[in-house]
C-alpha cells in the first residue's frame, strides 16, 4: 500500500493521505461546498472526480474507499 505524505512548508503541517482515494456521497449532508484534494490523478481522472462531486455522488470501484463516515470510531 502507498500512503502519500504531503508536507506544507508554509503552515508546517504534514498531511498523510489514504492509500485509496476517499469518496463519499454528499447527497444527505447539509453542505454547500466540497473540497477536492488532487495528488497524482491525470486530467481524465480529475474531470471524472469533479463531475462526480458536482453530482453529489461518490466514486465506485476497488481503487476508492468510502471511509467510515457512518461508523462511530
PDB file of N, CA and C in Angstrom:
ATOM      1  N   UNK A   1       0.836  -1.182   0.000  1.00  0.00           N
ATOM      2  CA  UNK A   1       0.000   0.000   0.000  1.00  0.00           C
ATOM      3  C   UNK A   1       0.879   1.243   0.000  1.00  0.00           C
ATOM      4  N   UNK A   2       0.388   2.274  -0.639  1.00  0.00           N
ATOM      5  CA  UNK A   2       1.129   3.533  -0.776  1.00  0.00           C
ATOM      6  C   UNK A   2       0.315   4.636  -0.098  1.00  0.00           C
ATOM      7  N   UNK A   3       0.862   5.231   0.959  1.00  0.00           N
ATOM      8  CA  UNK A   3       0.200   6.319   1.676  1.00  0.00           C
ATOM      9  C   UNK A   3       0.965   7.613   1.399  1.00  0.00           C
ATOM     10  N   UNK A   4       0.491   8.431   0.448  1.00  0.00           N
ATOM     11  CA  UNK A   4       1.200   9.676   0.127  1.00  0.00           C
ATOM     12  C   UNK A   4       1.276  10.627   1.326  1.00  0.00           C
ATOM     13  N   UNK A   5       2.425  11.247   1.486  1.00  0.00           N
ATOM     14  CA  UNK A   5       2.638  12.244   2.540  1.00  0.00           C
ATOM     15  C   UNK A   5       2.959  13.555   1.850  1.00  0.00           C
ATOM     16  N   UNK A   6       2.226  14.611   2.225  1.00  0.00           N
ATOM     17  CA  UNK A   6       2.401  15.909   1.598  1.00  0.00           C
ATOM     18  C   UNK A   6       2.746  16.949   2.665  1.00  0.00           C
ATOM     19  N   UNK A   7       4.032  17.361   2.737  1.00  0.00           N
ATOM     20  CA  UNK A   7       4.394  18.404   3.701  1.00  0.00           C
ATOM     21  C   UNK A   7       4.019  19.784   3.181  1.00  0.00           C
ATOM     22  N   UNK A   8       3.632  20.655   4.084  1.00  0.00           N
ATOM     23  CA  UNK A   8       3.307  22.042   3.751  1.00  0.00           C
ATOM     24  C   UNK A   8       4.312  22.903   4.510  1.00  0.00           C
ATOM     25  N   UNK A   9       5.270  23.449   3.794  1.00  0.00           N
ATOM     26  CA  UNK A   9       6.339  24.222   4.441  1.00  0.00           C
ATOM     27  C   UNK A   9       5.891  25.600   4.907  1.00  0.00           C
ATOM     28  N   UNK A  10       4.730  26.050   4.457  1.00  0.00           N
ATOM     29  CA  UNK A  10       4.239  27.368   4.858  1.00  0.00           C
ATOM     30  C   UNK A  10       3.557  27.299   6.217  1.00  0.00           C
ATOM     31  N   UNK A  11       2.650  26.333   6.382  1.00  0.00           N
ATOM     32  CA  UNK A  11       1.915  26.214   7.643  1.00  0.00           C
ATOM     33  C   UNK A  11       2.517  25.149   8.564  1.00  0.00           C
ATOM     34  N   UNK A  12       3.614  24.553   8.154  1.00  0.00           N
ATOM     35  CA  UNK A  12       4.283  23.472   8.889  1.00  0.00           C
ATOM     36  C   UNK A  12       3.318  22.369   9.308  1.00  0.00           C
ATOM     37  N   UNK A  13       2.470  21.985   8.356  1.00  0.00           N
ATOM     38  CA  UNK A  13       1.518  20.898   8.563  1.00  0.00           C
ATOM     39  C   UNK A  13       1.835  19.815   7.537  1.00  0.00           C
ATOM     40  N   UNK A  14       1.842  18.574   7.959  1.00  0.00           N
ATOM     41  CA  UNK A  14       2.052  17.469   7.050  1.00  0.00           C
ATOM     42  C   UNK A  14       0.776  16.643   6.992  1.00  0.00           C
ATOM     43  N   UNK A  15       0.329  16.312   5.778  1.00  0.00           N
ATOM     44  CA  UNK A  15      -0.895  15.539   5.595  1.00  0.00           C
ATOM     45  C   UNK A  15      -0.545  14.146   5.114  1.00  0.00           C
ATOM     46  N   UNK A  16      -1.095  13.144   5.789  1.00  0.00           N
ATOM     47  CA  UNK A  16      -0.945  11.746   5.406  1.00  0.00           C
ATOM     48  C   UNK A  16      -2.256  11.324   4.743  1.00  0.00           C
ATOM     49  N   UNK A  17      -2.188  10.938   3.472  1.00  0.00           N
ATOM     50  CA  UNK A  17      -3.380  10.576   2.719  1.00  0.00           C
ATOM     51  C   UNK A  17      -3.599   9.065   2.740  1.00  0.00           C
ATOM     52  N   UNK A  18      -4.842   8.655   2.541  1.00  0.00           N
ATOM     53  CA  UNK A  18      -5.202   7.250   2.484  1.00  0.00           C
ATOM     54  C   UNK A  18      -4.541   6.597   1.278  1.00  0.00           C
ATOM     55  N   UNK A  19      -4.377   5.289   1.310  1.00  0.00           N
ATOM     56  CA  UNK A  19      -3.789   4.568   0.175  1.00  0.00           C
ATOM     57  C   UNK A  19      -4.758   4.502  -1.005  1.00  0.00           C
ATOM     58  N   UNK A  20      -6.046   4.679  -0.741  1.00  0.00           N
ATOM     59  CA  UNK A  20      -7.057   4.730  -1.794  1.00  0.00           C
ATOM     60  C   UNK A  20      -7.704   6.108  -1.786  1.00  0.00           C
ATOM     61  N   UNK A  21      -8.277   6.494  -2.911  1.00  0.00           N
ATOM     62  CA  UNK A  21      -8.995   7.766  -2.990  1.00  0.00           C
ATOM     63  C   UNK A  21     -10.250   7.664  -2.132  1.00  0.00           C
ATOM     64  N   UNK A  22     -10.432   8.597  -1.212  1.00  0.00           N
ATOM     65  CA  UNK A  22     -11.615   8.624  -0.366  1.00  0.00           C
ATOM     66  C   UNK A  22     -12.720   9.390  -1.077  1.00  0.00           C
ATOM     67  N   UNK A  23     -13.884   8.778  -1.175  1.00  0.00           N
ATOM     68  CA  UNK A  23     -15.012   9.389  -1.870  1.00  0.00           C
ATOM     69  C   UNK A  23     -16.294   9.086  -1.117  1.00  0.00           C
ATOM     70  N   UNK A  24     -17.011  10.128  -0.747  1.00  0.00           N
ATOM     71  CA  UNK A  24     -18.288   9.948  -0.055  1.00  0.00           C
ATOM     72  C   UNK A  24     -19.374  10.710  -0.794  1.00  0.00           C
ATOM     73  N   UNK A  25     -20.573  10.211  -0.691  1.00  0.00           N
ATOM     74  CA  UNK A  25     -21.715  10.906  -1.270  1.00  0.00           C
ATOM     75  C   UNK A  25     -22.101  12.048  -0.339  1.00  0.00           C
ATOM     76  N   UNK A  26     -22.422  13.198  -0.914  1.00  0.00           N
ATOM     77  CA  UNK A  26     -22.846  14.341  -0.096  1.00  0.00           C
ATOM     78  C   UNK A  26     -24.340  14.610  -0.238  1.00  0.00           C
ATOM     79  N   UNK A  27     -25.067  13.660  -0.830  1.00  0.00           N
ATOM     80  CA  UNK A  27     -26.499  13.863  -1.069  1.00  0.00           C
ATOM     81  C   UNK A  27     -27.278  14.134   0.206  1.00  0.00           C
ATOM     82  N   UNK A  28     -26.927  13.475   1.291  1.00  0.00           N
ATOM     83  CA  UNK A  28     -27.674  13.626   2.538  1.00  0.00           C
ATOM     84  C   UNK A  28     -26.967  14.515   3.559  1.00  0.00           C
ATOM     85  N   UNK A  29     -25.944  15.226   3.121  1.00  0.00           N
ATOM     86  CA  UNK A  29     -25.209  16.103   4.029  1.00  0.00           C
ATOM     87  C   UNK A  29     -25.622  17.557   3.794  1.00  0.00           C
ATOM     88  N   UNK A  30     -25.825  18.310   4.862  1.00  0.00           N
ATOM     89  CA  UNK A  30     -26.232  19.718   4.713  1.00  0.00           C
ATOM     90  C   UNK A  30     -25.027  20.622   4.424  1.00  0.00           C
ATOM     91  N   UNK A  31     -24.434  20.476   3.235  1.00  0.00           N
ATOM     92  CA  UNK A  31     -23.273  21.287   2.865  1.00  0.00           C
ATOM     93  C   UNK A  31     -23.526  21.982   1.537  1.00  0.00           C
ATOM     94  N   UNK A  32     -22.812  23.075   1.322  1.00  0.00           N
ATOM     95  CA  UNK A  32     -22.898  23.808   0.061  1.00  0.00           C
ATOM     96  C   UNK A  32     -21.619  23.713  -0.755  1.00  0.00           C
ATOM     97  N   UNK A  33     -20.516  23.329  -0.112  1.00  0.00           N
ATOM     98  CA  UNK A  33     -19.224  23.274  -0.778  1.00  0.00           C
ATOM     99  C   UNK A  33     -18.511  21.982  -0.397  1.00  0.00           C
ATOM    100  N   UNK A  34     -17.632  21.522  -1.282  1.00  0.00           N
ATOM    101  CA  UNK A  34     -16.824  20.340  -1.014  1.00  0.00           C
ATOM    102  C   UNK A  34     -15.389  20.628  -1.433  1.00  0.00           C
ATOM    103  N   UNK A  35     -14.450  20.063  -0.705  1.00  0.00           N
ATOM    104  CA  UNK A  35     -13.032  20.218  -1.027  1.00  0.00           C
ATOM    105  C   UNK A  35     -12.559  18.964  -1.757  1.00  0.00           C
ATOM    106  N   UNK A  36     -11.791  19.162  -2.799  1.00  0.00           N
ATOM    107  CA  UNK A  36     -11.219  18.051  -3.556  1.00  0.00           C
ATOM    108  C   UNK A  36      -9.703  18.177  -3.485  1.00  0.00           C
ATOM    109  N   UNK A  37      -9.034  17.148  -2.981  1.00  0.00           N
ATOM    110  CA  UNK A  37      -7.570  17.116  -2.974  1.00  0.00           C
ATOM    111  C   UNK A  37      -7.099  16.291  -4.164  1.00  0.00           C
ATOM    112  N   UNK A  38      -6.338  16.906  -5.049  1.00  0.00           N
ATOM    113  CA  UNK A  38      -5.799  16.231  -6.232  1.00  0.00           C
ATOM    114  C   UNK A  38      -4.318  15.991  -5.979  1.00  0.00           C
ATOM    115  N   UNK A  39      -3.891  14.732  -6.079  1.00  0.00           N
ATOM    116  CA  UNK A  39      -2.494  14.404  -5.804  1.00  0.00           C
ATOM    117  C   UNK A  39      -1.769  13.903  -7.050  1.00  0.00           C
ATOM    118  N   UNK A  40      -2.164  12.740  -7.539  1.00  0.00           N
ATOM    119  CA  UNK A  40      -1.445  12.096  -8.639  1.00  0.00           C
ATOM    120  C   UNK A  40      -2.357  11.736  -9.803  1.00  0.00           C
ATOM    121  N   UNK A  41      -3.556  12.282  -9.836  1.00  0.00           N
ATOM    122  CA  UNK A  41      -4.530  11.933 -10.863  1.00  0.00           C
ATOM    123  C   UNK A  41      -4.224  12.666 -12.177  1.00  0.00           C
ATOM    124  N   UNK A  42      -4.550  11.991 -13.277  1.00  0.00           N
ATOM    125  CA  UNK A  42      -4.388  12.648 -14.571  1.00  0.00           C
ATOM    126  C   UNK A  42      -5.650  13.465 -14.886  1.00  0.00           C
ATOM    127  N   UNK A  43      -5.633  14.191 -15.993  1.00  0.00           N
ATOM    128  CA  UNK A  43      -6.721  15.116 -16.314  1.00  0.00           C
ATOM    129  C   UNK A  43      -8.055  14.393 -16.479  1.00  0.00           C
ATOM    130  N   UNK A  44      -8.038  13.194 -17.042  1.00  0.00           N
ATOM    131  CA  UNK A  44      -9.268  12.422 -17.215  1.00  0.00           C
ATOM    132  C   UNK A  44      -9.862  12.042 -15.857  1.00  0.00           C
ATOM    133  N   UNK A  45      -9.020  11.592 -14.942  1.00  0.00           N
ATOM    134  CA  UNK A  45      -9.485  11.245 -13.594  1.00  0.00           C
ATOM    135  C   UNK A  45     -10.005  12.479 -12.865  1.00  0.00           C
ATOM    136  N   UNK A  46      -9.315  13.592 -13.024  1.00  0.00           N
ATOM    137  CA  UNK A  46      -9.736  14.838 -12.371  1.00  0.00           C
ATOM    138  C   UNK A  46     -11.125  15.243 -12.865  1.00  0.00           C
ATOM    139  N   UNK A  47     -11.344  15.176 -14.164  1.00  0.00           N
ATOM    140  CA  UNK A  47     -12.657  15.524 -14.728  1.00  0.00           C
ATOM    141  C   UNK A  47     -13.746  14.615 -14.178  1.00  0.00           C
ATOM    142  N   UNK A  48     -13.468  13.329 -14.067  1.00  0.00           N
ATOM    143  CA  UNK A  48     -14.438  12.380 -13.511  1.00  0.00           C
ATOM    144  C   UNK A  48     -14.734  12.701 -12.056  1.00  0.00           C
ATOM    145  N   UNK A  49     -13.697  12.985 -11.292  1.00  0.00           N
ATOM    146  CA  UNK A  49     -13.864  13.307  -9.869  1.00  0.00           C
ATOM    147  C   UNK A  49     -14.697  14.569  -9.705  1.00  0.00           C
ATOM    148  N   UNK A  50     -14.376  15.611 -10.441  1.00  0.00           N
ATOM    149  CA  UNK A  50     -15.100  16.884 -10.332  1.00  0.00           C
ATOM    150  C   UNK A  50     -16.569  16.695 -10.686  1.00  0.00           C
ATOM    151  N   UNK A  51     -16.852  15.979 -11.762  1.00  0.00           N
ATOM    152  CA  UNK A  51     -18.240  15.760 -12.165  1.00  0.00           C
ATOM    153  C   UNK A  51     -18.996  14.938 -11.125  1.00  0.00           C
ATOM    154  N   UNK A  52     -18.344  13.945 -10.550  1.00  0.00           N
ATOM    155  CA  UNK A  52     -18.974  13.114  -9.520  1.00  0.00           C
ATOM    156  C   UNK A  52     -19.308  13.944  -8.288  1.00  0.00           C
ATOM    157  N   UNK A  53     -18.387  14.804  -7.883  1.00  0.00           N
ATOM    158  CA  UNK A  53     -18.630  15.668  -6.713  1.00  0.00           C
ATOM    159  C   UNK A  53     -19.754  16.655  -7.014  1.00  0.00           C
ATOM    160  N   UNK A  54     -19.773  17.231  -8.218  1.00  0.00           N
ATOM    161  CA  UNK A  54     -20.849  18.151  -8.596  1.00  0.00           C
ATOM    162  C   UNK A  54     -22.213  17.471  -8.524  1.00  0.00           C
ATOM    163  N   UNK A  55     -22.256  16.180  -8.863  1.00  0.00           N
ATOM    164  CA  UNK A  55     -23.495  15.414  -8.817  1.00  0.00           C
ATOM    165  C   UNK A  55     -23.836  14.935  -7.404  1.00  0.00           C
ATOM    166  N   UNK A  56     -22.989  15.277  -6.436  1.00  0.00           N
ATOM    167  CA  UNK A  56     -23.160  14.878  -5.030  1.00  0.00           C
ATOM    168  C   UNK A  56     -23.192  13.365  -4.865  1.00  0.00           C
ATOM    169  N   UNK A  57     -22.455  12.674  -5.730  1.00  0.00           N
ATOM    170  CA  UNK A  57     -22.388  11.225  -5.717  1.00  0.00           C
ATOM    171  C   UNK A  57     -21.022  10.797  -5.195  1.00  0.00           C
ATOM    172  N   UNK A  58     -20.711   9.500  -5.249  1.00  0.00           N
ATOM    173  CA  UNK A  58     -19.406   9.018  -4.837  1.00  0.00           C
ATOM    174  C   UNK A  58     -18.826   8.124  -5.915  1.00  0.00           C
ATOM    175  N   UNK A  59     -17.514   8.034  -5.940  1.00  0.00           N
ATOM    176  CA  UNK A  59     -16.824   7.183  -6.894  1.00  0.00           C
ATOM    177  C   UNK A  59     -16.909   5.740  -6.417  1.00  0.00           C
ATOM    178  N   UNK A  60     -17.081   4.819  -7.350  1.00  0.00           N
ATOM    179  CA  UNK A  60     -17.214   3.397  -7.020  1.00  0.00           C
ATOM    180  C   UNK A  60     -16.083   2.606  -7.663  1.00  0.00           C
ATOM    181  N   UNK A  61     -15.617   1.572  -6.976  1.00  0.00           N
ATOM    182  CA  UNK A  61     -14.592   0.696  -7.521  1.00  0.00           C
ATOM    183  C   UNK A  61     -13.570   0.328  -6.466  1.00  0.00           C
ATOM    184  N   UNK A  62     -12.693  -0.616  -6.818  1.00  0.00           N
ATOM    185  CA  UNK A  62     -11.690  -1.115  -5.868  1.00  0.00           C
ATOM    186  C   UNK A  62     -10.633  -0.066  -5.509  1.00  0.00           C
ATOM    187  N   UNK A  63     -10.431   0.925  -6.380  1.00  0.00           N
ATOM    188  CA  UNK A  63      -9.405   1.936  -6.121  1.00  0.00           C
ATOM    189  C   UNK A  63      -9.909   3.061  -5.219  1.00  0.00           C
ATOM    190  N   UNK A  64     -11.185   2.986  -4.789  1.00  0.00           N
ATOM    191  CA  UNK A  64     -11.785   4.025  -3.952  1.00  0.00           C
ATOM    192  C   UNK A  64     -12.234   3.438  -2.618  1.00  0.00           C
ATOM    193  N   UNK A  65     -12.297   4.286  -1.607  1.00  0.00           N
ATOM    194  CA  UNK A  65     -12.857   3.893  -0.329  1.00  0.00           C
ATOM    195  C   UNK A  65     -13.880   4.943   0.088  1.00  0.00           C
ATOM    196  N   UNK A  66     -14.890   4.501   0.773  1.00  0.00           N
ATOM    197  CA  UNK A  66     -15.902   5.430   1.257  1.00  0.00           C
ATOM    198  C   UNK A  66     -15.704   5.757   2.723  1.00  0.00           C
ATOM    199  N   UNK A  67     -14.598   5.312   3.280  1.00  0.00           N
ATOM    200  CA  UNK A  67     -14.246   5.656   4.648  1.00  0.00           C
ATOM    201  C   UNK A  67     -15.208   5.100   5.674  1.00  0.00           C
ATOM    202  N   UNK A  68     -15.207   5.715   6.840  1.00  0.00           N
ATOM    203  CA  UNK A  68     -16.050   5.291   7.951  1.00  0.00           C
ATOM    204  C   UNK A  68     -17.000   6.399   8.357  1.00  0.00           C
ATOM    205  N   UNK A  69     -17.569   7.102   7.394  1.00  0.00           N
ATOM    206  CA  UNK A  69     -18.429   8.252   7.686  1.00  0.00           C
ATOM    207  C   UNK A  69     -19.605   7.869   8.570  1.00  0.00           C
ATOM    208  N   UNK A  70     -20.189   6.703   8.341  1.00  0.00           N
ATOM    209  CA  UNK A  70     -21.374   6.304   9.097  1.00  0.00           C
ATOM    210  C   UNK A  70     -21.059   5.387  10.268  1.00  0.00           C
ATOM    211  N   UNK A  71     -19.804   5.142  10.532  1.00  0.00           N
ATOM    212  CA  UNK A  71     -19.406   4.242  11.602  1.00  0.00           C
ATOM    213  C   UNK A  71     -18.729   5.050  12.703  1.00  0.00           C
ATOM    214  N   UNK A  72     -19.139   4.870  13.911  1.00  0.00           N
ATOM    215  CA  UNK A  72     -18.513   5.589  15.024  1.00  0.00           C
ATOM    216  C   UNK A  72     -17.214   4.905  15.406  1.00  0.00           C
ATOM    217  N   UNK A  73     -16.157   5.692  15.485  1.00  0.00           N
ATOM    218  CA  UNK A  73     -14.868   5.162  15.909  1.00  0.00           C
ATOM    219  C   UNK A  73     -14.289   5.991  17.021  1.00  0.00           C
TER     220      UNK A  73
END
